[in-house]
Amino acid sequence: MLQLCEKQAQELDLTFNSKKSCLFKVGVSSKETIDNLKLNGCDVYCLISSDILVFLLTRQSFKIDTYWITREFYAAANAICCHTNNVQELSRLHVFEAFTLPI
């Protein structure tokens, strides 16, 4: 299936980023081993112990716990506030944008 998607994407002048892609297994067959998946010639990362907690709601949907993202954002923002007391506002804003927006 990945090869079909990759072929279609190439026809549309699109590429998939295998570094930002992830495989996670859910359900009864999650303990089975599978071959490494390849996307654009690179291996796709297989998620064994997750940093992102996945909760199954029904067989068709799932929910992702993003609390750790919020925690990292506030930690970065608080660190910037503590260490930039005597910095001009525009410089402080630039630091906020550089370090908190990517999170």
PDB file of N, CA and C in Angstrom:
ATOM      1  N   MET A   1       0.823  -1.187   0.000  1.00  0.00           N
ATOM      2  CA  MET A   1       0.000   0.000   0.000  1.00  0.00           C
ATOM      3  C   MET A   1       0.873   1.259   0.000  1.00  0.00           C
ATOM      4  N   LEU A   2       1.976   1.216   0.766  1.00  0.00           N
ATOM      5  CA  LEU A   2       2.855   2.384   0.792  1.00  0.00           C
ATOM      6  C   LEU A   2       3.452   2.661  -0.580  1.00  0.00           C
ATOM      7  N   GLN A   3       3.778   1.605  -1.314  1.00  0.00           N
ATOM      8  CA  GLN A   3       4.340   1.796  -2.648  1.00  0.00           C
ATOM      9  C   GLN A   3       3.326   2.446  -3.577  1.00  0.00           C
ATOM     10  N   LEU A   4       2.056   2.075  -3.453  1.00  0.00           N
ATOM     11  CA  LEU A   4       1.013   2.701  -4.279  1.00  0.00           C
ATOM     12  C   LEU A   4       0.876   4.188  -3.932  1.00  0.00           C
ATOM     13  N   CYS A   5       0.884   4.500  -2.655  1.00  0.00           N
ATOM     14  CA  CYS A   5       0.779   5.904  -2.235  1.00  0.00           C
ATOM     15  C   CYS A   5       1.998   6.695  -2.685  1.00  0.00           C
ATOM     16  N   GLU A   6       3.175   6.076  -2.576  1.00  0.00           N
ATOM     17  CA  GLU A   6       4.406   6.745  -2.983  1.00  0.00           C
ATOM     18  C   GLU A   6       4.408   7.009  -4.493  1.00  0.00           C
ATOM     19  N   LYS A   7       3.937   6.037  -5.265  1.00  0.00           N
ATOM     20  CA  LYS A   7       3.871   6.195  -6.725  1.00  0.00           C
ATOM     21  C   LYS A   7       2.904   7.319  -7.099  1.00  0.00           C
ATOM     22  N   GLN A   8       1.733   7.345  -6.458  1.00  0.00           N
ATOM     23  CA  GLN A   8       0.748   8.389  -6.738  1.00  0.00           C
ATOM     24  C   GLN A   8       1.290   9.759  -6.345  1.00  0.00           C
ATOM     25  N   ALA A   9       1.994   9.821  -5.225  1.00  0.00           N
ATOM     26  CA  ALA A   9       2.565  11.090  -4.782  1.00  0.00           C
ATOM     27  C   ALA A   9       3.613  11.589  -5.766  1.00  0.00           C
ATOM     28  N   GLN A  10       4.417  10.689  -6.319  1.00  0.00           N
ATOM     29  CA  GLN A  10       5.424  11.091  -7.291  1.00  0.00           C
ATOM     30  C   GLN A  10       4.778  11.644  -8.550  1.00  0.00           C
ATOM     31  N   GLU A  11       3.646  11.090  -8.949  1.00  0.00           N
ATOM     32  CA  GLU A  11       2.925  11.611 -10.116  1.00  0.00           C
ATOM     33  C   GLU A  11       2.395  13.016  -9.850  1.00  0.00           C
ATOM     34  N   LEU A  12       2.132  13.324  -8.586  1.00  0.00           N
ATOM     35  CA  LEU A  12       1.627  14.643  -8.206  1.00  0.00           C
ATOM     36  C   LEU A  12       2.746  15.579  -7.753  1.00  0.00           C
ATOM     37  N   ASP A  13       4.005  15.164  -7.956  1.00  0.00           N
ATOM     38  CA  ASP A  13       5.184  15.931  -7.537  1.00  0.00           C
ATOM     39  C   ASP A  13       5.199  16.183  -6.028  1.00  0.00           C
ATOM     40  N   LEU A  14       4.828  15.174  -5.260  1.00  0.00           N
ATOM     41  CA  LEU A  14       4.866  15.236  -3.803  1.00  0.00           C
ATOM     42  C   LEU A  14       5.816  14.162  -3.291  1.00  0.00           C
ATOM     43  N   THR A  15       6.369  14.368  -2.112  1.00  0.00           N
ATOM     44  CA  THR A  15       7.184  13.337  -1.472  1.00  0.00           C
ATOM     45  C   THR A  15       6.775  13.217  -0.012  1.00  0.00           C
ATOM     46  N   PHE A  16       6.874  12.012   0.507  1.00  0.00           N
ATOM     47  CA  PHE A  16       6.605  11.763   1.919  1.00  0.00           C
ATOM     48  C   PHE A  16       7.906  11.856   2.685  1.00  0.00           C
ATOM     49  N   ASN A  17       7.861  12.387   3.893  1.00  0.00           N
ATOM     50  CA  ASN A  17       9.035  12.497   4.747  1.00  0.00           C
ATOM     51  C   ASN A  17       9.046  11.302   5.690  1.00  0.00           C
ATOM     52  N   SER A  18       9.950  10.361   5.454  1.00  0.00           N
ATOM     53  CA  SER A  18       9.989   9.157   6.278  1.00  0.00           C
ATOM     54  C   SER A  18      10.472   9.454   7.694  1.00  0.00           C
ATOM     55  N   LYS A  19      11.198  10.548   7.906  1.00  0.00           N
ATOM     56  CA  LYS A  19      11.668  10.902   9.244  1.00  0.00           C
ATOM     57  C   LYS A  19      10.526  11.410  10.126  1.00  0.00           C
ATOM     58  N   LYS A  20       9.469  11.924   9.512  1.00  0.00           N
ATOM     59  CA  LYS A  20       8.337  12.431  10.273  1.00  0.00           C
ATOM     60  C   LYS A  20       7.175  11.443  10.282  1.00  0.00           C
ATOM     61  N   SER A  21       7.398  10.263   9.705  1.00  0.00           N
ATOM     62  CA  SER A  21       6.371   9.231   9.674  1.00  0.00           C
ATOM     63  C   SER A  21       6.665   8.200  10.753  1.00  0.00           C
ATOM     64  N   CYS A  22       5.631   7.538  11.218  1.00  0.00           N
ATOM     65  CA  CYS A  22       5.803   6.590  12.310  1.00  0.00           C
ATOM     66  C   CYS A  22       4.790   5.464  12.153  1.00  0.00           C
ATOM     67  N   LEU A  23       5.200   4.279  12.495  1.00  0.00           N
ATOM     68  CA  LEU A  23       4.328   3.114  12.469  1.00  0.00           C
ATOM     69  C   LEU A  23       4.029   2.724  13.900  1.00  0.00           C
ATOM     70  N   PHE A  24       2.762   2.571  14.226  1.00  0.00           N
ATOM     71  CA  PHE A  24       2.426   1.988  15.517  1.00  0.00           C
ATOM     72  C   PHE A  24       1.352   0.951  15.294  1.00  0.00           C
ATOM     73  N   LYS A  25       1.446  -0.120  16.073  1.00  0.00           N
ATOM     74  CA  LYS A  25       0.545  -1.251  15.906  1.00  0.00           C
ATOM     75  C   LYS A  25      -0.480  -1.238  17.022  1.00  0.00           C
ATOM     76  N   VAL A  26      -1.725  -1.521  16.659  1.00  0.00           N
ATOM     77  CA  VAL A  26      -2.828  -1.477  17.599  1.00  0.00           C
ATOM     78  C   VAL A  26      -3.630  -2.759  17.463  1.00  0.00           C
ATOM     79  N   GLY A  27      -4.124  -3.255  18.582  1.00  0.00           N
ATOM     80  CA  GLY A  27      -5.030  -4.386  18.539  1.00  0.00           C
ATOM     81  C   GLY A  27      -4.366  -5.709  18.866  1.00  0.00           C
ATOM     82  N   VAL A  28      -5.076  -6.777  18.541  1.00  0.00           N
ATOM     83  CA  VAL A  28      -4.637  -8.118  18.871  1.00  0.00           C
ATOM     84  C   VAL A  28      -3.316  -8.456  18.184  1.00  0.00           C
ATOM     85  N   SER A  29      -3.141  -8.019  16.966  1.00  0.00           N
ATOM     86  CA  SER A  29      -1.939  -8.359  16.210  1.00  0.00           C
ATOM     87  C   SER A  29      -0.772  -7.413  16.490  1.00  0.00           C
ATOM     88  N   SER A  30      -0.859  -6.594  17.518  1.00  0.00           N
ATOM     89  CA  SER A  30       0.193  -5.612  17.776  1.00  0.00           C
ATOM     90  C   SER A  30       1.493  -6.253  18.233  1.00  0.00           C
ATOM     91  N   LYS A  31       1.447  -7.483  18.725  1.00  0.00           N
ATOM     92  CA  LYS A  31       2.663  -8.151  19.187  1.00  0.00           C
ATOM     93  C   LYS A  31       3.372  -8.904  18.073  1.00  0.00           C
ATOM     94  N   GLU A  32       2.748  -9.030  16.926  1.00  0.00           N
ATOM     95  CA  GLU A  32       3.369  -9.710  15.797  1.00  0.00           C
ATOM     96  C   GLU A  32       4.474  -8.848  15.213  1.00  0.00           C
ATOM     97  N   THR A  33       5.531  -9.478  14.753  1.00  0.00           N
ATOM     98  CA  THR A  33       6.609  -8.726  14.114  1.00  0.00           C
ATOM     99  C   THR A  33       6.309  -8.594  12.628  1.00  0.00           C
ATOM    100  N   ILE A  34       6.639  -7.449  12.082  1.00  0.00           N
ATOM    101  CA  ILE A  34       6.457  -7.211  10.657  1.00  0.00           C
ATOM    102  C   ILE A  34       7.759  -6.687  10.083  1.00  0.00           C
ATOM    103  N   ASP A  35       7.911  -6.801   8.788  1.00  0.00           N
ATOM    104  CA  ASP A  35       9.105  -6.302   8.125  1.00  0.00           C
ATOM    105  C   ASP A  35       9.153  -4.781   8.216  1.00  0.00           C
ATOM    106  N   ASN A  36      10.361  -4.239   8.121  1.00  0.00           N
ATOM    107  CA  ASN A  36      10.511  -2.783   8.120  1.00  0.00           C
ATOM    108  C   ASN A  36       9.800  -2.193   6.913  1.00  0.00           C
ATOM    109  N   LEU A  37       9.045  -1.150   7.155  1.00  0.00           N
ATOM    110  CA  LEU A  37       8.383  -0.452   6.059  1.00  0.00           C
ATOM    111  C   LEU A  37       9.335   0.578   5.480  1.00  0.00           C
ATOM    112  N   LYS A  38       9.302   0.742   4.189  1.00  0.00           N
ATOM    113  CA  LYS A  38      10.163   1.710   3.520  1.00  0.00           C
ATOM    114  C   LYS A  38       9.296   2.759   2.848  1.00  0.00           C
ATOM    115  N   LEU A  39       9.725   4.008   2.993  1.00  0.00           N
ATOM    116  CA  LEU A  39       9.040   5.128   2.386  1.00  0.00           C
ATOM    117  C   LEU A  39      10.103   6.005   1.750  1.00  0.00           C
ATOM    118  N   ASN A  40      10.055   6.169   0.453  1.00  0.00           N
ATOM    119  CA  ASN A  40      11.072   6.898  -0.311  1.00  0.00           C
ATOM    120  C   ASN A  40      12.470   6.313  -0.098  1.00  0.00           C
ATOM    121  N   GLY A  41      12.542   4.996   0.045  1.00  0.00           N
ATOM    122  CA  GLY A  41      13.816   4.321   0.196  1.00  0.00           C
ATOM    123  C   GLY A  41      14.383   4.326   1.604  1.00  0.00           C
ATOM    124  N   CYS A  42      13.700   4.948   2.563  1.00  0.00           N
ATOM    125  CA  CYS A  42      14.173   5.007   3.950  1.00  0.00           C
ATOM    126  C   CYS A  42      13.218   4.226   4.848  1.00  0.00           C
ATOM    127  N   ASP A  43      13.763   3.671   5.932  1.00  0.00           N
ATOM    128  CA  ASP A  43      12.929   2.931   6.873  1.00  0.00           C
ATOM    129  C   ASP A  43      12.009   3.870   7.636  1.00  0.00           C
ATOM    130  N   VAL A  44      10.807   3.393   7.919  1.00  0.00           N
ATOM    131  CA  VAL A  44       9.846   4.136   8.728  1.00  0.00           C
ATOM    132  C   VAL A  44      10.016   3.679  10.164  1.00  0.00           C
ATOM    133  N   TYR A  45      10.097   4.620  11.088  1.00  0.00           N
ATOM    134  CA  TYR A  45      10.301   4.336  12.507  1.00  0.00           C
ATOM    135  C   TYR A  45       9.119   3.555  13.061  1.00  0.00           C
ATOM    136  N   CYS A  46       9.407   2.491  13.797  1.00  0.00           N
ATOM    137  CA  CYS A  46       8.366   1.683  14.429  1.00  0.00           C
ATOM    138  C   CYS A  46       8.286   2.050  15.899  1.00  0.00           C
ATOM    139  N   LEU A  47       7.133   2.468  16.337  1.00  0.00           N
ATOM    140  CA  LEU A  47       6.918   2.931  17.704  1.00  0.00           C
ATOM    141  C   LEU A  47       6.613   1.730  18.588  1.00  0.00           C
ATOM    142  N   ILE A  48       7.542   1.398  19.494  1.00  0.00           N
ATOM    143  CA  ILE A  48       7.346   0.261  20.389  1.00  0.00           C
ATOM    144  C   ILE A  48       6.827   0.755  21.730  1.00  0.00           C
ATOM    145  N   SER A  49       7.572   1.596  22.397  1.00  0.00           N
ATOM    146  CA  SER A  49       7.067   2.239  23.613  1.00  0.00           C
ATOM    147  C   SER A  49       6.815   3.690  23.240  1.00  0.00           C
ATOM    148  N   SER A  50       5.620   4.121  23.414  1.00  0.00           N
ATOM    149  CA  SER A  50       5.232   5.406  22.832  1.00  0.00           C
ATOM    150  C   SER A  50       5.476   6.574  23.768  1.00  0.00           C
ATOM    151  N   ASP A  51       5.928   7.680  23.189  1.00  0.00           N
ATOM    152  CA  ASP A  51       5.952   8.948  23.893  1.00  0.00           C
ATOM    153  C   ASP A  51       4.553   9.555  23.849  1.00  0.00           C
ATOM    154  N   ILE A  52       3.828   9.219  22.812  1.00  0.00           N
ATOM    155  CA  ILE A  52       2.451   9.679  22.650  1.00  0.00           C
ATOM    156  C   ILE A  52       1.541   8.530  23.051  1.00  0.00           C
ATOM    157  N   LEU A  53       0.704   8.751  24.038  1.00  0.00           N
ATOM    158  CA  LEU A  53      -0.188   7.691  24.481  1.00  0.00           C
ATOM    159  C   LEU A  53      -1.411   7.640  23.588  1.00  0.00           C
ATOM    160  N   VAL A  54      -1.741   6.454  23.133  1.00  0.00           N
ATOM    161  CA  VAL A  54      -2.873   6.271  22.233  1.00  0.00           C
ATOM    162  C   VAL A  54      -3.941   5.487  22.965  1.00  0.00           C
ATOM    163  N   PHE A  55      -5.120   6.016  22.995  1.00  0.00           N
ATOM    164  CA  PHE A  55      -6.234   5.354  23.645  1.00  0.00           C
ATOM    165  C   PHE A  55      -7.266   4.967  22.586  1.00  0.00           C
ATOM    166  N   LEU A  56      -7.669   3.730  22.575  1.00  0.00           N
ATOM    167  CA  LEU A  56      -8.696   3.299  21.632  1.00  0.00           C
ATOM    168  C   LEU A  56     -10.078   3.631  22.184  1.00  0.00           C
ATOM    169  N   LEU A  57     -10.842   4.336  21.399  1.00  0.00           N
ATOM    170  CA  LEU A  57     -12.211   4.651  21.797  1.00  0.00           C
ATOM    171  C   LEU A  57     -13.176   3.637  21.199  1.00  0.00           C
ATOM    172  N   THR A  58     -13.056   3.401  19.927  1.00  0.00           N
ATOM    173  CA  THR A  58     -13.822   2.371  19.243  1.00  0.00           C
ATOM    174  C   THR A  58     -12.870   1.693  18.278  1.00  0.00           C
ATOM    175  N   ARG A  59     -13.353   0.801  17.479  1.00  0.00           N
ATOM    176  CA  ARG A  59     -12.477   0.145  16.514  1.00  0.00           C
ATOM    177  C   ARG A  59     -12.071   1.081  15.382  1.00  0.00           C
ATOM    178  N   GLN A  60     -12.803   2.150  15.169  1.00  0.00           N
ATOM    179  CA  GLN A  60     -12.522   3.048  14.054  1.00  0.00           C
ATOM    180  C   GLN A  60     -11.753   4.307  14.450  1.00  0.00           C
ATOM    181  N   SER A  61     -11.663   4.630  15.723  1.00  0.00           N
ATOM    182  CA  SER A  61     -11.044   5.902  16.086  1.00  0.00           C
ATOM    183  C   SER A  61     -10.158   5.748  17.320  1.00  0.00           C
ATOM    184  N   PHE A  62      -9.290   6.727  17.530  1.00  0.00           N
ATOM    185  CA  PHE A  62      -8.428   6.748  18.703  1.00  0.00           C
ATOM    186  C   PHE A  62      -8.177   8.187  19.108  1.00  0.00           C
ATOM    187  N   LYS A  63      -7.692   8.354  20.320  1.00  0.00           N
ATOM    188  CA  LYS A  63      -7.425   9.678  20.866  1.00  0.00           C
ATOM    189  C   LYS A  63      -5.951   9.734  21.281  1.00  0.00           C
ATOM    190  N   ILE A  64      -5.295  10.858  21.041  1.00  0.00           N
ATOM    191  CA  ILE A  64      -3.891  11.017  21.375  1.00  0.00           C
ATOM    192  C   ILE A  64      -3.760  11.985  22.543  1.00  0.00           C
ATOM    193  N   ASP A  65      -3.006  11.567  23.548  1.00  0.00           N
ATOM    194  CA  ASP A  65      -2.762  12.406  24.716  1.00  0.00           C
ATOM    195  C   ASP A  65      -1.637  13.379  24.390  1.00  0.00           C
ATOM    196  N   THR A  66      -1.931  14.667  24.349  1.00  0.00           N
ATOM    197  CA  THR A  66      -0.946  15.681  23.990  1.00  0.00           C
ATOM    198  C   THR A  66      -0.533  16.518  25.201  1.00  0.00           C
ATOM    199  N   TYR A  67      -0.730  16.000  26.406  1.00  0.00           N
ATOM    200  CA  TYR A  67      -0.379  16.751  27.609  1.00  0.00           C
ATOM    201  C   TYR A  67       1.106  17.081  27.647  1.00  0.00           C
ATOM    202  N   TRP A  68       1.954  16.169  27.176  1.00  0.00           N
ATOM    203  CA  TRP A  68       3.400  16.402  27.216  1.00  0.00           C
ATOM    204  C   TRP A  68       3.804  17.585  26.348  1.00  0.00           C
ATOM    205  N   ILE A  69       3.065  17.852  25.262  1.00  0.00           N
ATOM    206  CA  ILE A  69       3.364  19.000  24.411  1.00  0.00           C
ATOM    207  C   ILE A  69       3.076  20.297  25.165  1.00  0.00           C
ATOM    208  N   THR A  70       1.950  20.343  25.846  1.00  0.00           N
ATOM    209  CA  THR A  70       1.593  21.515  26.631  1.00  0.00           C
ATOM    210  C   THR A  70       2.622  21.755  27.733  1.00  0.00           C
ATOM    211  N   ARG A  71       3.052  20.681  28.378  1.00  0.00           N
ATOM    212  CA  ARG A  71       4.036  20.793  29.450  1.00  0.00           C
ATOM    213  C   ARG A  71       5.365  21.340  28.916  1.00  0.00           C
ATOM    214  N   GLU A  72       5.816  20.858  27.753  1.00  0.00           N
ATOM    215  CA  GLU A  72       7.055  21.360  27.166  1.00  0.00           C
ATOM    216  C   GLU A  72       6.935  22.830  26.771  1.00  0.00           C
ATOM    217  N   PHE A  73       5.774  23.223  26.243  1.00  0.00           N
ATOM    218  CA  PHE A  73       5.556  24.623  25.864  1.00  0.00           C
ATOM    219  C   PHE A  73       5.673  25.534  27.074  1.00  0.00           C
ATOM    220  N   TYR A  74       4.961  25.195  28.166  1.00  0.00           N
ATOM    221  CA  TYR A  74       5.007  26.041  29.356  1.00  0.00           C
ATOM    222  C   TYR A  74       6.388  26.037  30.001  1.00  0.00           C
ATOM    223  N   ALA A  75       7.100  24.916  29.946  1.00  0.00           N
ATOM    224  CA  ALA A  75       8.458  24.875  30.496  1.00  0.00           C
ATOM    225  C   ALA A  75       9.373  25.819  29.724  1.00  0.00           C
ATOM    226  N   ALA A  76       9.271  25.818  28.392  1.00  0.00           N
ATOM    227  CA  ALA A  76      10.086  26.718  27.572  1.00  0.00           C
ATOM    228  C   ALA A  76       9.709  28.176  27.825  1.00  0.00           C
ATOM    229  N   ALA A  77       8.420  28.464  27.888  1.00  0.00           N
ATOM    230  CA  ALA A  77       7.968  29.842  28.111  1.00  0.00           C
ATOM    231  C   ALA A  77       8.399  30.351  29.485  1.00  0.00           C
ATOM    232  N   ASN A  78       8.288  29.521  30.513  1.00  0.00           N
ATOM    233  CA  ASN A  78       8.702  29.936  31.854  1.00  0.00           C
ATOM    234  C   ASN A  78      10.203  30.156  31.932  1.00  0.00           C
ATOM    235  N   ALA A  79      10.980  29.317  31.271  1.00  0.00           N
ATOM    236  CA  ALA A  79      12.438  29.484  31.269  1.00  0.00           C
ATOM    237  C   ALA A  79      12.827  30.796  30.591  1.00  0.00           C
ATOM    238  N   ILE A  80      12.161  31.121  29.497  1.00  0.00           N
ATOM    239  CA  ILE A  80      12.448  32.384  28.802  1.00  0.00           C
ATOM    240  C   ILE A  80      12.085  33.571  29.684  1.00  0.00           C
ATOM    241  N   CYS A  81      10.939  33.517  30.342  1.00  0.00           N
ATOM    242  CA  CYS A  81      10.523  34.622  31.216  1.00  0.00           C
ATOM    243  C   CYS A  81      11.509  34.824  32.359  1.00  0.00           C
ATOM    244  N   CYS A  82      11.998  33.744  32.934  1.00  0.00           N
ATOM    245  CA  CYS A  82      12.917  33.849  34.070  1.00  0.00           C
ATOM    246  C   CYS A  82      14.277  34.405  33.674  1.00  0.00           C
ATOM    247  N   HIS A  83      14.737  34.097  32.470  1.00  0.00           N
ATOM    248  CA  HIS A  83      16.091  34.468  32.074  1.00  0.00           C
ATOM    249  C   HIS A  83      16.172  35.717  31.197  1.00  0.00           C
ATOM    250  N   THR A  84      15.053  36.359  30.914  1.00  0.00           N
ATOM    251  CA  THR A  84      15.083  37.536  30.039  1.00  0.00           C
ATOM    252  C   THR A  84      14.408  38.739  30.683  1.00  0.00           C
ATOM    253  N   ASN A  85      14.642  38.946  31.953  1.00  0.00           N
ATOM    254  CA  ASN A  85      14.012  40.073  32.648  1.00  0.00           C
ATOM    255  C   ASN A  85      14.495  41.422  32.134  1.00  0.00           C
ATOM    256  N   ASN A  86      15.773  41.521  31.795  1.00  0.00           N
ATOM    257  CA  ASN A  86      16.345  42.804  31.402  1.00  0.00           C
ATOM    258  C   ASN A  86      16.557  42.921  29.902  1.00  0.00           C
ATOM    259  N   VAL A  87      15.784  42.196  29.121  1.00  0.00           N
ATOM    260  CA  VAL A  87      15.935  42.186  27.658  1.00  0.00           C
ATOM    261  C   VAL A  87      14.808  43.015  27.047  1.00  0.00           C
ATOM    262  N   GLN A  88      15.100  43.685  25.945  1.00  0.00           N
ATOM    263  CA  GLN A  88      14.068  44.478  25.258  1.00  0.00           C
ATOM    264  C   GLN A  88      12.928  43.573  24.793  1.00  0.00           C
ATOM    265  N   GLU A  89      11.752  44.183  24.677  1.00  0.00           N
ATOM    266  CA  GLU A  89      10.551  43.408  24.362  1.00  0.00           C
ATOM    267  C   GLU A  89      10.630  42.718  23.003  1.00  0.00           C
ATOM    268  N   LEU A  90      11.149  43.398  21.971  1.00  0.00           N
ATOM    269  CA  LEU A  90      11.228  42.777  20.646  1.00  0.00           C
ATOM    270  C   LEU A  90      12.189  41.596  20.637  1.00  0.00           C
ATOM    271  N   SER A  91      13.290  41.721  21.345  1.00  0.00           N
ATOM    272  CA  SER A  91      14.238  40.605  21.448  1.00  0.00           C
ATOM    273  C   SER A  91      13.609  39.442  22.200  1.00  0.00           C
ATOM    274  N   ARG A  92      12.890  39.764  23.250  1.00  0.00           N
ATOM    275  CA  ARG A  92      12.211  38.733  24.040  1.00  0.00           C
ATOM    276  C   ARG A  92      11.143  38.023  23.196  1.00  0.00           C
ATOM    277  N   LEU A  93      10.400  38.780  22.419  1.00  0.00           N
ATOM    278  CA  LEU A  93       9.383  38.199  21.543  1.00  0.00           C
ATOM    279  C   LEU A  93      10.015  37.271  20.514  1.00  0.00           C
ATOM    280  N   HIS A  94      11.155  37.686  19.963  1.00  0.00           N
ATOM    281  CA  HIS A  94      11.851  36.845  18.987  1.00  0.00           C
ATOM    282  C   HIS A  94      12.285  35.515  19.619  1.00  0.00           C
ATOM    283  N   VAL A  95      12.777  35.570  20.850  1.00  0.00           N
ATOM    284  CA  VAL A  95      13.183  34.349  21.551  1.00  0.00           C
ATOM    285  C   VAL A  95      11.965  33.465  21.816  1.00  0.00           C
ATOM    286  N   PHE A  96      10.850  34.073  22.221  1.00  0.00           N
ATOM    287  CA  PHE A  96       9.616  33.307  22.431  1.00  0.00           C
ATOM    288  C   PHE A  96       9.196  32.594  21.147  1.00  0.00           C
ATOM    289  N   GLU A  97       9.206  33.320  20.033  1.00  0.00           N
ATOM    290  CA  GLU A  97       8.798  32.728  18.757  1.00  0.00           C
ATOM    291  C   GLU A  97       9.742  31.611  18.335  1.00  0.00           C
ATOM    292  N   ALA A  98      11.025  31.803  18.569  1.00  0.00           N
ATOM    293  CA  ALA A  98      12.016  30.816  18.136  1.00  0.00           C
ATOM    294  C   ALA A  98      11.945  29.523  18.948  1.00  0.00           C
ATOM    295  N   PHE A  99      11.646  29.625  20.241  1.00  0.00           N
ATOM    296  CA  PHE A  99      11.716  28.450  21.098  1.00  0.00           C
ATOM    297  C   PHE A  99      10.367  27.838  21.473  1.00  0.00           C
ATOM    298  N   THR A 100       9.287  28.596  21.406  1.00  0.00           N
ATOM    299  CA  THR A 100       8.002  28.023  21.823  1.00  0.00           C
ATOM    300  C   THR A 100       7.102  27.649  20.649  1.00  0.00           C
ATOM    301  N   LEU A 101       7.150  28.369  19.558  1.00  0.00           N
ATOM    302  CA  LEU A 101       6.279  28.038  18.431  1.00  0.00           C
ATOM    303  C   LEU A 101       6.575  26.666  17.815  1.00  0.00           C
ATOM    304  N   PRO A 102       7.843  26.251  17.685  1.00  0.00           N
ATOM    305  CA  PRO A 102       8.088  24.910  17.141  1.00  0.00           C
ATOM    306  C   PRO A 102       7.504  23.787  17.993  1.00  0.00           C
ATOM    307  N   ILE A 103       7.359  24.021  19.296  1.00  0.00           N
ATOM    308  CA  ILE A 103       6.784  22.999  20.174  1.00  0.00           C
ATOM    309  C   ILE A 103       5.316  22.854  19.848  1.00  0.00           C
TER     310      ILE A 103
END
